[in-house]
Protein backbone atom coordinates (compact mmCIF):
# COMPACT_ATOMS: atom_id res chain seq x y z
CA UNK A 1 0.00 0.00 0.00
CA UNK A 2 1.15 3.53 -0.69
CA UNK A 3 1.91 5.95 2.12
CA UNK A 4 0.15 8.90 0.47
CA UNK A 5 -1.65 11.24 2.85
CA UNK A 6 -5.47 10.85 2.75
CA UNK A 7 -6.03 14.47 1.69
CA UNK A 8 -3.51 14.07 -1.14
CA UNK A 9 -5.11 10.80 -2.21
CA UNK A 10 -8.59 12.32 -2.23
CA UNK A 11 -7.36 15.34 -4.19
CA UNK A 12 -5.64 13.11 -6.76
CA UNK A 13 -8.75 10.96 -7.07
CA UNK A 14 -10.94 14.06 -7.59
CA UNK A 15 -8.56 15.35 -10.26
CA UNK A 16 -8.42 11.96 -11.99
CA UNK A 17 -12.20 11.72 -11.78
CA UNK A 18 -12.50 15.08 -13.50
CA UNK A 19 -10.52 13.83 -16.49
CA UNK A 20 -12.16 10.42 -16.71
CA UNK A 21 -15.70 11.72 -16.27
CA UNK A 22 -14.98 14.61 -18.66
CA UNK A 23 -13.63 12.13 -21.18
CA UNK A 24 -16.65 9.89 -20.88
CA UNK A 25 -19.11 12.78 -20.96
CA UNK A 26 -17.54 14.05 -24.18
CA UNK A 27 -17.57 10.50 -25.53
CA UNK A 28 -21.21 9.94 -24.64
CA UNK A 29 -22.18 13.35 -26.02
CA UNK A 30 -20.68 12.30 -29.35
CA UNK A 31 -22.42 8.91 -29.07
CA UNK A 32 -25.70 10.69 -28.41
CA UNK A 33 -25.22 12.99 -31.40
CA UNK A 34 -24.49 9.91 -33.51
CA UNK A 35 -27.62 8.21 -32.17
CA UNK A 36 -29.80 11.23 -32.94
CA UNK A 37 -28.40 11.57 -36.47
CA UNK A 38 -28.84 7.88 -37.23
CA UNK A 39 -32.31 7.78 -35.64
CA UNK A 40 -33.38 10.43 -38.17
CA UNK A 41 -31.65 8.70 -41.10
CA UNK A 42 -32.49 5.07 -40.26
CA UNK A 43 -35.49 3.23 -38.82
CA UNK A 44 -36.12 1.20 -35.63
CA UNK A 45 -35.72 -2.07 -37.57
CA UNK A 46 -32.13 -1.10 -38.52
CA UNK A 47 -31.28 -0.49 -34.86
CA UNK A 48 -32.99 -3.74 -33.87
CA UNK A 49 -30.94 -5.74 -36.35
CA UNK A 50 -27.62 -4.27 -35.21
CA UNK A 51 -28.63 -4.68 -31.54
CA UNK A 52 -29.20 -8.39 -32.22
CA UNK A 53 -25.71 -8.71 -33.64
CA UNK A 54 -24.07 -6.54 -30.98
CA UNK A 55 -25.51 -8.63 -28.15
CA UNK A 56 -23.43 -11.62 -29.22
CA UNK A 57 -20.36 -9.43 -29.85
CA UNK A 58 -20.53 -7.78 -26.42
CA UNK A 59 -21.11 -11.08 -24.61
CA UNK A 60 -18.22 -12.81 -26.38
CA UNK A 61 -15.94 -9.84 -25.73
CA UNK A 62 -16.89 -9.63 -22.05
CA UNK A 63 -16.50 -13.37 -21.51
CA UNK A 64 -12.89 -13.25 -22.69
CA UNK A 65 -12.11 -9.99 -20.88
CA UNK A 66 -8.76 -10.33 -19.10
CA UNK A 67 -7.90 -8.22 -16.01
CA UNK A 68 -4.67 -7.05 -17.64
CA UNK A 69 -5.01 -3.41 -16.54
CA UNK A 70 -5.97 -4.38 -12.97
CA UNK A 71 -2.96 -6.69 -12.68
CA UNK A 72 -0.61 -3.97 -13.93
CA UNK A 73 -2.13 -1.37 -11.58
CA UNK A 74 -1.32 -3.57 -8.59
CA UNK A 75 2.39 -3.54 -9.46
CA UNK A 76 4.03 -0.15 -8.72
CA UNK A 77 6.84 -0.73 -11.27
CA UNK A 78 5.70 -2.84 -14.26
CA UNK A 79 8.57 -4.30 -16.30
CA UNK A 80 9.04 -4.66 -20.07
CA UNK A 81 8.28 -8.39 -19.81
CA UNK A 82 4.99 -7.58 -18.08
CA UNK A 83 4.00 -5.18 -20.87
CA UNK A 84 4.95 -7.72 -23.55
CA UNK A 85 2.87 -10.36 -21.77
CA UNK A 86 -0.05 -7.95 -21.45
CA UNK A 87 0.10 -7.13 -25.17
CA UNK A 88 0.24 -10.82 -26.07
CA UNK A 89 -2.76 -11.57 -23.85
CA UNK A 90 -4.71 -8.69 -25.44
CA UNK A 91 -3.90 -9.81 -28.98
CA UNK A 92 -4.73 -13.46 -28.22
CA UNK A 93 -7.99 -12.49 -26.59
CA UNK A 94 -8.99 -10.29 -29.54
CA UNK A 95 -8.26 -13.02 -32.10
CA UNK A 96 -10.13 -15.65 -30.08
CA UNK A 97 -13.19 -13.39 -29.79
CA UNK A 98 -13.06 -12.51 -33.50
CA UNK A 99 -12.78 -16.15 -34.64
CA UNK A 100 -15.47 -17.30 -32.21
CA UNK A 101 -17.91 -14.67 -33.50
CA UNK A 102 -17.22 -15.58 -37.11
CA UNK A 103 -17.86 -19.22 -36.27
CA UNK A 104 -21.14 -18.41 -34.49
CA UNK A 105 -22.41 -15.92 -37.08
CA UNK A 106 -24.30 -18.42 -39.23
CA UNK A 107 -25.85 -20.42 -36.33
CA UNK A 108 -27.04 -17.16 -34.75
CA UNK A 109 -28.57 -16.08 -38.06
CA UNK A 110 -30.49 -19.36 -38.15
CA UNK A 111 -31.54 -19.01 -34.49
CA UNK A 112 -33.02 -15.54 -35.06
CA UNK A 113 -34.18 -16.39 -38.60
CA UNK A 114 -32.33 -13.33 -39.91
CA UNK A 115 -29.85 -14.11 -42.77
CA UNK A 116 -28.30 -10.61 -42.68
CA UNK A 117 -26.76 -11.36 -39.29
CA UNK A 118 -24.06 -13.63 -40.76
CA UNK A 119 -22.08 -10.92 -42.57
CA UNK A 120 -22.94 -8.27 -40.00
CA UNK A 121 -21.51 -10.23 -37.05
CA UNK A 122 -18.34 -11.05 -39.01
CA UNK A 123 -17.72 -7.35 -39.68
CA UNK A 124 -18.51 -6.34 -36.10
CA UNK A 125 -16.02 -8.93 -34.80
CA UNK A 126 -13.21 -6.60 -35.93
CA UNK A 127 -14.02 -4.19 -33.08
CA UNK A 128 -12.87 -6.46 -30.20
CA UNK A 129 -9.68 -7.29 -32.09
CA UNK A 130 -8.87 -3.56 -32.32
CA UNK A 131 -9.65 -3.03 -28.63
CA UNK A 132 -7.37 -5.91 -27.66
CA UNK A 133 -4.42 -4.31 -29.46
CA UNK A 134 -4.34 -1.04 -27.49
CA UNK A 135 -0.96 -0.23 -25.95
CA UNK A 136 -0.69 -1.70 -22.40
CA UNK A 137 1.75 1.08 -21.48
CA UNK A 138 -1.21 3.45 -21.09
CA UNK A 139 -1.39 2.02 -17.57
CA UNK A 140 1.66 4.11 -16.64
CA UNK A 141 -0.49 7.23 -17.01
CA UNK A 142 -3.21 5.64 -14.84
CA UNK A 143 -0.76 4.92 -12.01
CA UNK A 144 0.18 8.60 -11.99
CA UNK A 145 -3.52 9.57 -11.89
CA UNK A 146 -3.06 11.11 -15.35
CA UNK A 147 -6.11 10.35 -17.48
CA UNK A 148 -5.56 12.94 -20.20
CA UNK A 149 -4.56 10.30 -22.78
CA UNK A 150 -7.88 8.55 -22.14
CA UNK A 151 -9.64 11.80 -22.99
CA UNK A 152 -7.76 12.11 -26.29
CA UNK A 153 -8.36 8.45 -27.22
CA UNK A 154 -12.08 8.59 -26.47
CA UNK A 155 -12.59 11.86 -28.33
CA UNK A 156 -10.62 10.74 -31.40
CA UNK A 157 -12.44 7.40 -31.60
CA UNK A 158 -15.91 8.85 -31.17
CA UNK A 159 -15.39 11.67 -33.68
CA UNK A 160 -14.15 9.13 -36.24
CA UNK A 161 -17.12 6.87 -35.48
CA UNK A 162 -19.60 9.77 -35.84
CA UNK A 163 -18.16 10.91 -39.18
CA UNK A 164 -17.99 7.38 -40.61
CA UNK A 165 -21.49 6.38 -39.46
CA UNK A 166 -23.22 9.52 -40.72
CA UNK A 167 -21.37 9.38 -44.05
CA UNK A 168 -22.40 5.75 -44.66
CA UNK A 169 -25.98 6.47 -43.52
CA UNK A 170 -26.29 9.36 -45.98
CA UNK A 171 -24.79 7.27 -48.78
CA UNK A 172 -26.54 3.92 -48.21
CA UNK A 173 -29.43 4.60 -45.78
CA UNK A 174 -28.86 1.15 -44.26
CA UNK A 175 -27.88 -0.51 -40.99
CA UNK A 176 -24.28 -0.74 -42.25
CA UNK A 177 -23.81 2.84 -41.04
CA UNK A 178 -24.05 1.65 -37.41
CA UNK A 179 -21.70 -1.27 -38.07
CA UNK A 180 -19.04 0.87 -39.76
CA UNK A 181 -19.12 3.42 -36.93
CA UNK A 182 -18.76 0.61 -34.39
CA UNK A 183 -15.54 -0.66 -36.03
CA UNK A 184 -13.88 2.62 -37.06
CA UNK A 185 -13.84 4.09 -33.52
CA UNK A 186 -11.81 1.31 -31.82
CA UNK A 187 -9.44 1.17 -34.81
CA UNK A 188 -8.47 4.83 -34.45
CA UNK A 189 -8.26 4.54 -30.65
CA UNK A 190 -5.79 1.67 -31.05
CA UNK A 191 -3.61 3.73 -33.40
CA UNK A 192 -3.62 6.80 -31.11
CA UNK A 193 -2.74 4.65 -28.07
CA UNK A 194 0.66 3.86 -29.59
CA UNK A 195 1.28 7.53 -30.28
CA UNK A 196 0.83 8.29 -26.57
CA UNK A 197 2.40 5.11 -25.18
CA UNK A 198 4.82 3.64 -27.76
CA UNK A 199 5.57 -0.05 -27.39
CA UNK A 200 7.45 -2.30 -29.78
CA UNK A 201 5.23 -5.36 -30.40
CA UNK A 202 6.90 -8.43 -28.86
CA UNK A 203 4.91 -11.63 -28.35
CA UNK A 204 5.82 -13.15 -25.00
CA UNK A 205 4.14 -14.88 -22.05
CA UNK A 206 7.21 -14.70 -19.81
CA UNK A 207 5.32 -13.02 -16.94
CA UNK A 208 2.10 -15.00 -17.35
CA UNK A 209 2.39 -16.08 -13.69
CA UNK A 210 1.67 -12.52 -12.58
CA UNK A 211 -1.64 -12.46 -14.45
CA UNK A 212 -2.70 -16.09 -13.96
CA UNK A 213 -3.90 -16.05 -10.29
CA UNK A 214 -6.78 -13.63 -10.93
CA UNK A 215 -7.75 -14.87 -14.38
CA UNK A 216 -9.68 -17.98 -13.28
CA UNK A 217 -12.26 -16.41 -10.98
CA UNK A 218 -12.30 -13.24 -13.06
CA UNK A 219 -13.12 -15.07 -16.30
CA UNK A 220 -15.89 -17.07 -14.64
CA UNK A 221 -17.37 -13.90 -13.16
CA UNK A 222 -17.09 -12.18 -16.54
CA UNK A 223 -18.98 -14.98 -18.27
CA UNK A 224 -21.84 -14.61 -15.80
CA UNK A 225 -21.72 -10.81 -15.74
CA UNK A 226 -21.70 -10.48 -19.52
CA UNK A 227 -24.70 -12.80 -19.88
CA UNK A 228 -26.48 -10.81 -17.15
CA UNK A 229 -25.66 -7.59 -18.97
CA UNK A 230 -27.09 -8.67 -22.31
CA UNK A 231 -29.69 -11.21 -21.17
CA UNK A 232 -32.66 -9.02 -22.08
CA UNK A 233 -31.34 -8.37 -25.58
CA UNK A 234 -30.75 -12.09 -26.06
CA UNK A 235 -34.27 -13.05 -25.00
CA UNK A 236 -36.40 -10.16 -26.23
CA UNK A 237 -36.20 -10.94 -29.99
CA UNK A 238 -38.10 -14.12 -29.12
CA UNK A 239 -40.87 -12.07 -27.44
CA UNK A 240 -41.29 -9.10 -29.82
CA UNK A 241 -40.93 -8.04 -33.44
CA UNK A 242 -37.83 -6.31 -34.86
CA UNK A 243 -39.32 -2.77 -34.71
CA UNK A 244 -40.34 -3.13 -31.05
CA UNK A 245 -36.97 -4.61 -30.21
CA UNK A 246 -35.26 -1.67 -31.95
CA UNK A 247 -37.24 0.75 -29.77
CA UNK A 248 -36.31 -1.18 -26.63
CA UNK A 249 -32.67 -1.23 -27.67
CA UNK A 250 -32.50 2.54 -28.23
CA UNK A 251 -34.33 3.24 -24.93
CA UNK A 252 -31.83 0.96 -23.20
CA UNK A 253 -28.90 2.75 -24.85
CA UNK A 254 -30.22 6.17 -23.77
CA UNK A 255 -30.72 4.90 -20.21
CA UNK A 256 -27.12 3.67 -20.14
CA UNK A 257 -25.65 7.07 -21.09
CA UNK A 258 -25.51 8.54 -17.53
CA UNK A 259 -24.00 5.33 -16.12
CA UNK A 260 -21.45 4.98 -18.89
CA UNK A 261 -20.60 8.69 -18.77
CA UNK A 262 -19.96 8.90 -15.02
CA UNK A 263 -19.71 5.51 -13.33
CA UNK A 264 -17.53 3.59 -15.77
CA UNK A 265 -14.82 6.26 -16.03
CA UNK A 266 -14.64 6.47 -12.21
CA UNK A 267 -13.84 2.77 -11.83
CA UNK A 268 -10.10 3.12 -12.38
CA UNK A 269 -9.53 6.24 -10.24
CA UNK A 270 -11.47 4.64 -7.39
CA UNK A 271 -9.66 1.31 -7.83
CA UNK A 272 -6.27 3.04 -7.68
CA UNK A 273 -7.38 5.08 -4.65
CA UNK A 274 -8.88 2.07 -2.85
CA UNK A 275 -5.68 0.05 -3.41
CA UNK A 276 -3.74 2.66 -1.41
CA UNK A 277 -6.01 2.64 1.66
CA UNK A 278 -4.32 0.60 4.41
CA UNK A 279 -7.22 -0.89 6.41
CA UNK A 280 -10.64 -2.43 5.84
CA UNK A 281 -12.28 0.09 8.16
CA UNK A 282 -11.01 3.07 6.16
CA UNK A 283 -11.69 1.22 2.92
CA UNK A 284 -15.31 0.76 4.01
CA UNK A 285 -15.72 4.48 4.65
CA UNK A 286 -14.07 5.32 1.33
CA UNK A 287 -16.38 2.85 -0.41
CA UNK A 288 -19.46 4.54 1.09
CA UNK A 289 -18.22 7.99 0.03
CA UNK A 290 -17.47 6.75 -3.48
CA UNK A 291 -20.91 5.12 -3.75
CA UNK A 292 -22.47 8.38 -2.59
CA UNK A 293 -20.57 10.18 -5.35
CA UNK A 294 -21.94 7.83 -7.99
CA UNK A 295 -25.54 8.13 -6.81
CA UNK A 296 -25.20 11.91 -6.38
CA UNK A 297 -24.01 12.35 -9.97
CA UNK A 298 -26.05 9.74 -11.86
CA UNK A 299 -29.42 9.32 -10.11
CA UNK A 300 -30.79 12.80 -10.99
CA UNK A 301 -30.14 12.23 -14.70
CA UNK A 302 -31.96 8.88 -14.52
CA UNK A 303 -34.96 10.45 -12.75
CA UNK A 304 -35.14 13.19 -15.40
CA UNK A 305 -35.01 10.62 -18.17
CA UNK A 306 -37.78 8.57 -16.60
CA UNK A 307 -40.22 11.36 -15.87
CA UNK A 308 -39.51 13.32 -19.07
CA UNK A 309 -39.40 10.25 -21.32
CA UNK A 310 -42.26 11.43 -23.57
CA UNK A 311 -40.55 14.77 -24.17
CA UNK A 312 -37.18 13.13 -24.86
CA UNK A 313 -38.62 10.70 -27.40
CA UNK A 314 -40.93 13.22 -29.11
CA UNK A 315 -38.38 16.02 -29.47
CA UNK A 316 -35.14 14.10 -29.99
CA UNK A 317 -36.07 10.88 -31.79
CA UNK A 318 -39.23 11.71 -33.71
CA UNK A 319 -42.74 10.25 -34.07
CA UNK A 320 -41.64 6.84 -35.38
CA UNK A 321 -40.05 6.15 -31.95
CA UNK A 322 -43.17 6.94 -29.90
CA UNK A 323 -43.39 3.36 -28.63
CA UNK A 324 -40.05 3.77 -26.85
CA UNK A 325 -41.42 6.36 -24.37
CA UNK A 326 -42.95 3.86 -21.92
CA UNK A 327 -39.78 1.76 -21.96
CA UNK A 328 -37.69 4.86 -21.34
CA UNK A 329 -39.91 5.67 -18.36
CA UNK A 330 -39.25 2.31 -16.69
CA UNK A 331 -35.61 1.47 -17.47
CA UNK A 332 -34.01 4.47 -15.69
CA UNK A 333 -35.93 3.68 -12.48
CA UNK A 334 -34.63 0.11 -12.63
CA UNK A 335 -31.12 1.44 -13.21
CA UNK A 336 -31.33 3.59 -10.04
CA UNK A 337 -31.86 0.44 -7.96
CA UNK A 338 -28.55 -0.93 -9.28
CA UNK A 339 -26.42 2.19 -8.70
CA UNK A 340 -25.24 1.30 -5.16
CA UNK A 341 -23.80 -1.99 -6.49
CA UNK A 342 -21.43 -0.30 -8.98
CA UNK A 343 -18.22 -0.65 -6.94
CA UNK A 344 -18.85 -4.03 -5.30
CA UNK A 345 -16.55 -5.85 -7.74
CA UNK A 346 -13.67 -3.49 -6.91
CA UNK A 347 -14.07 -4.20 -3.19
CA UNK A 348 -14.06 -7.97 -3.77
CA UNK A 349 -11.01 -7.68 -6.01
CA UNK A 350 -8.99 -5.73 -3.42
CA UNK A 351 -10.10 -8.00 -0.58
CA UNK A 352 -9.08 -11.12 -2.58
CA UNK A 353 -12.69 -12.34 -2.53
CA UNK A 354 -13.13 -12.90 -6.26
CA UNK A 355 -15.36 -15.91 -5.62
CA UNK A 356 -17.98 -13.59 -4.11
CA UNK A 357 -18.30 -11.81 -7.46
CA UNK A 358 -19.13 -15.17 -8.99
CA UNK A 359 -21.74 -15.80 -6.27
CA UNK A 360 -23.32 -12.39 -6.94
CA UNK A 361 -23.44 -12.97 -10.69
CA UNK A 362 -24.92 -16.47 -10.32
CA UNK A 363 -27.73 -15.14 -8.11
CA UNK A 364 -28.38 -12.26 -10.51
CA UNK A 365 -28.39 -14.50 -13.59
CA UNK A 366 -30.72 -17.09 -12.07
CA UNK A 367 -33.16 -14.47 -10.79
CA UNK A 368 -33.22 -12.52 -14.07
CA UNK A 369 -33.57 -15.63 -16.21
CA UNK A 370 -36.43 -17.00 -14.13
CA UNK A 371 -38.25 -13.68 -13.70
CA UNK A 372 -37.87 -12.36 -17.24
CA UNK A 373 -38.85 -15.64 -18.88
CA UNK A 374 -41.83 -16.36 -16.63
CA UNK A 375 -43.20 -12.81 -16.37
CA UNK A 376 -42.33 -12.02 -19.98
CA UNK A 377 -44.20 -15.07 -21.20
CA UNK A 378 -47.22 -14.22 -19.04
CA UNK A 379 -47.39 -10.42 -19.41
CA UNK A 380 -45.16 -9.48 -22.36
CA UNK A 381 -43.19 -6.23 -22.13
CA UNK A 382 -44.77 -5.28 -18.78
CA UNK A 383 -43.66 -8.58 -17.30
CA UNK A 384 -40.13 -8.22 -18.66
CA UNK A 385 -39.74 -4.79 -17.07
CA UNK A 386 -41.21 -5.99 -13.76
CA UNK A 387 -38.84 -8.96 -13.81
CA UNK A 388 -35.86 -6.66 -14.34
CA UNK A 389 -36.92 -4.48 -11.39
CA UNK A 390 -37.30 -7.44 -9.01
CA UNK A 391 -33.97 -8.90 -10.16
CA UNK A 392 -32.26 -5.52 -9.56
CA UNK A 393 -33.61 -5.46 -6.00
CA UNK A 394 -32.32 -8.99 -5.40
CA UNK A 395 -28.91 -8.00 -6.77
CA UNK A 396 -28.79 -4.96 -4.47
CA UNK A 397 -29.57 -7.09 -1.40
CA UNK A 398 -26.90 -9.60 -2.40
CA UNK A 399 -24.34 -6.83 -2.92
CA UNK A 400 -24.93 -5.42 0.57
CA UNK A 401 -24.22 -8.85 2.06
CA UNK A 402 -21.11 -9.31 -0.10
CA UNK A 403 -19.62 -5.98 1.01
CA UNK A 404 -20.16 -6.99 4.62
CA UNK A 405 -18.45 -10.35 4.01
CA UNK A 406 -15.54 -8.71 2.14
CA UNK A 407 -14.57 -5.79 4.39
CA UNK A 408 -16.84 -6.09 7.43
CA UNK A 409 -19.03 -3.07 6.62
CA UNK A 410 -22.30 -3.65 8.48
CA UNK A 411 -25.68 -3.79 6.77
CA UNK A 412 -27.00 -1.08 9.11
CA UNK A 413 -24.18 1.29 8.15
CA UNK A 414 -24.80 0.68 4.44
CA UNK A 415 -28.56 1.15 4.89
CA UNK A 416 -28.08 4.47 6.71
CA UNK A 417 -25.91 5.74 3.88
CA UNK A 418 -28.55 4.62 1.40
CA UNK A 419 -31.27 6.60 3.17
CA UNK A 420 -29.01 9.67 3.08
CA UNK A 421 -28.60 9.67 -0.71
CA UNK A 422 -31.98 8.30 -1.77
CA UNK A 423 -34.08 10.84 0.18
CA UNK A 424 -33.05 13.83 -2.02
CA UNK A 425 -33.77 11.71 -5.11
CA UNK A 426 -37.32 11.05 -3.91
CA UNK A 427 -37.88 14.76 -3.17
CA UNK A 428 -36.62 15.69 -6.63
CA UNK A 429 -38.93 13.15 -8.29
CA UNK A 430 -41.93 14.53 -6.39
CA UNK A 431 -41.11 18.01 -7.75
CA UNK A 432 -41.09 16.73 -11.31
CA UNK A 433 -44.46 14.98 -11.21
CA UNK A 434 -46.69 18.15 -11.22
CA UNK A 435 -44.87 19.39 -14.30
CA UNK A 436 -45.79 16.19 -16.13
CA UNK A 437 -49.52 16.67 -15.43
CA UNK A 438 -49.29 20.29 -16.58
CA UNK A 439 -47.40 19.19 -19.70
CA UNK A 440 -50.29 16.94 -20.74
CA UNK A 441 -52.49 20.01 -21.17
CA UNK A 442 -49.95 21.82 -23.39
CA UNK A 443 -50.23 21.01 -27.09
CA UNK A 444 -47.49 23.20 -28.57
CA UNK A 445 -44.10 21.37 -28.57
CA UNK A 446 -42.10 24.54 -27.85
CA UNK A 447 -44.22 25.43 -24.81
CA UNK A 448 -43.94 21.86 -23.63
CA UNK A 449 -40.15 22.11 -23.93
CA UNK A 450 -39.99 25.34 -21.87
CA UNK A 451 -42.27 23.85 -19.23
CA UNK A 452 -40.01 20.79 -19.03
CA UNK A 453 -36.92 23.02 -18.63
CA UNK A 454 -38.56 25.05 -15.83
CA UNK A 455 -39.72 21.90 -14.02
CA UNK A 456 -36.28 20.32 -14.34
CA UNK A 457 -34.56 23.45 -12.98
CA UNK A 458 -36.86 23.54 -9.95
CA UNK A 459 -36.30 19.84 -9.26
CA UNK A 460 -32.53 20.28 -9.56
CA UNK A 461 -32.58 23.12 -7.00
CA UNK A 462 -34.60 20.98 -4.59
CA UNK A 463 -32.17 18.08 -5.06
CA UNK A 464 -29.04 20.17 -4.47
CA UNK A 465 -30.64 21.94 -1.51
CA UNK A 466 -31.68 18.71 0.17
CA UNK A 467 -28.24 17.18 -0.44
CA UNK A 468 -26.59 20.21 1.12
CA UNK A 469 -28.99 20.12 4.09
CA UNK A 470 -28.33 16.42 4.72
CA UNK A 471 -24.57 16.97 4.51
CA UNK A 472 -24.86 19.76 7.11
CA UNK A 473 -26.96 17.54 9.36
CA UNK A 474 -24.50 14.63 9.13
CA UNK A 475 -22.02 13.91 11.89
CA UNK A 476 -18.39 14.94 11.49
CA UNK A 477 -17.42 11.37 10.70
CA UNK A 478 -19.69 11.54 7.68
CA UNK A 479 -17.54 14.25 6.08
CA UNK A 480 -14.03 12.91 6.70
CA UNK A 481 -11.04 13.16 4.42
CA UNK A 482 -12.13 10.29 2.17
CA UNK A 483 -15.39 12.02 1.19
CA UNK A 484 -14.83 12.21 -2.56
CA UNK A 485 -18.01 14.17 -3.22
CA UNK A 486 -17.26 17.05 -0.89
CA UNK A 487 -13.56 17.09 -1.78
CA UNK A 488 -14.46 17.40 -5.43
CA UNK A 489 -17.04 20.12 -4.87
CA UNK A 490 -14.91 22.14 -2.42
CA UNK A 491 -12.03 22.16 -4.87
CA UNK A 492 -14.10 23.47 -7.77
CA UNK A 493 -16.81 25.61 -6.19
CA UNK A 494 -15.06 27.23 -3.23
CA UNK A 495 -16.24 29.21 -1.27
CA UNK A 496 -19.85 28.30 -2.17
CA UNK A 497 -19.48 25.00 -0.28
């Protein structure tokens, strides 16, 4: 463990979080622009077809995900042999995923009774190969809490993807626009990674022993987690037509934007910070503060999406996507239930309790599979959404128990923290509801937009005010040096806070 002072560690984590979140926000903004452009140029059936293909790509890629970066982060001075081994593992993984997808392309096309999937999956399989070839030496920037290269890579890849996708959509008007954009982005990111972190390609497994101990449990957990992640998109084409599935897919992608923009980029800064905290007691407090940060930043966006779903779909996507509004109302609320579980895997990893991640994923997979299939068969889309909500609640309960087993953080302490950050969310949601009823009586789209903006602003003020009030009412232990939220806000908005 490092001997960094807590205040220095928190400051470094806040600075790193600024870069990673900024990078992801810019990336997701470009993704959202791409989505809006393609939604106007293509139809729901095009998105449904590509979503079918991408489900298998994402599952295969996640199953063979190797904890290369995590293993390198744990070593304060990675050697050349370690980087060569990491590059070899990445290349091998990419080739295995690519060949597996090409082999499964035709059987999947038969399973879904969609012949176009064969060629589409083969083309999309190039994306994981490109991602596997990124320079492992980028980890040296991560260890120094320098995430500027990540910002450059994300921006370059997304801009290239946007330009390529829109160009192909204008030229062909087909689903190939989405596929081309999906492949071009990772390709450019791979090229730029070697500009920032040059590494001469040498194939070697000399330091495989360093990576091997965490690969077994990690790969098993990844298999389960990846199936959990894409389970709905694997099952839903059997319950609904291609157009309806396309609407569900786009609503799901929009719901994922806040999580992917804020939570995913914070994983590495928090993992590096957690790895330098010397005791389980302090790690538990840091975990609670980090979880509070995630809920504080992401939950409001999810509530806005849910309550303003009709406005979002009508104004941004257009009339052909009207059926996605109900789905977009439900999915963000389900996502809020899962927010407190975001960092559980990091805690298990640092506590050498990788088997608990597998236990969590097994419980989640079994509950989702049983609930979605049974309720989906009985009640269609309503049953599928209800099954997802119940499964999310089961996963949350399991995660609380796993954190207690990993670092000894009591269920009562976790529950108290949950009440502290969910109360302002509830108050904000209650402020938004009257605006929705008023919006139903407004026919003009522009007036409806201004009403939505005013309602959102009022709800945001209530949320921030209640958060500030609860922070003031908390005990001094609740605002100690590991409080990432307050450290971040004090640094950037002094003396307001």
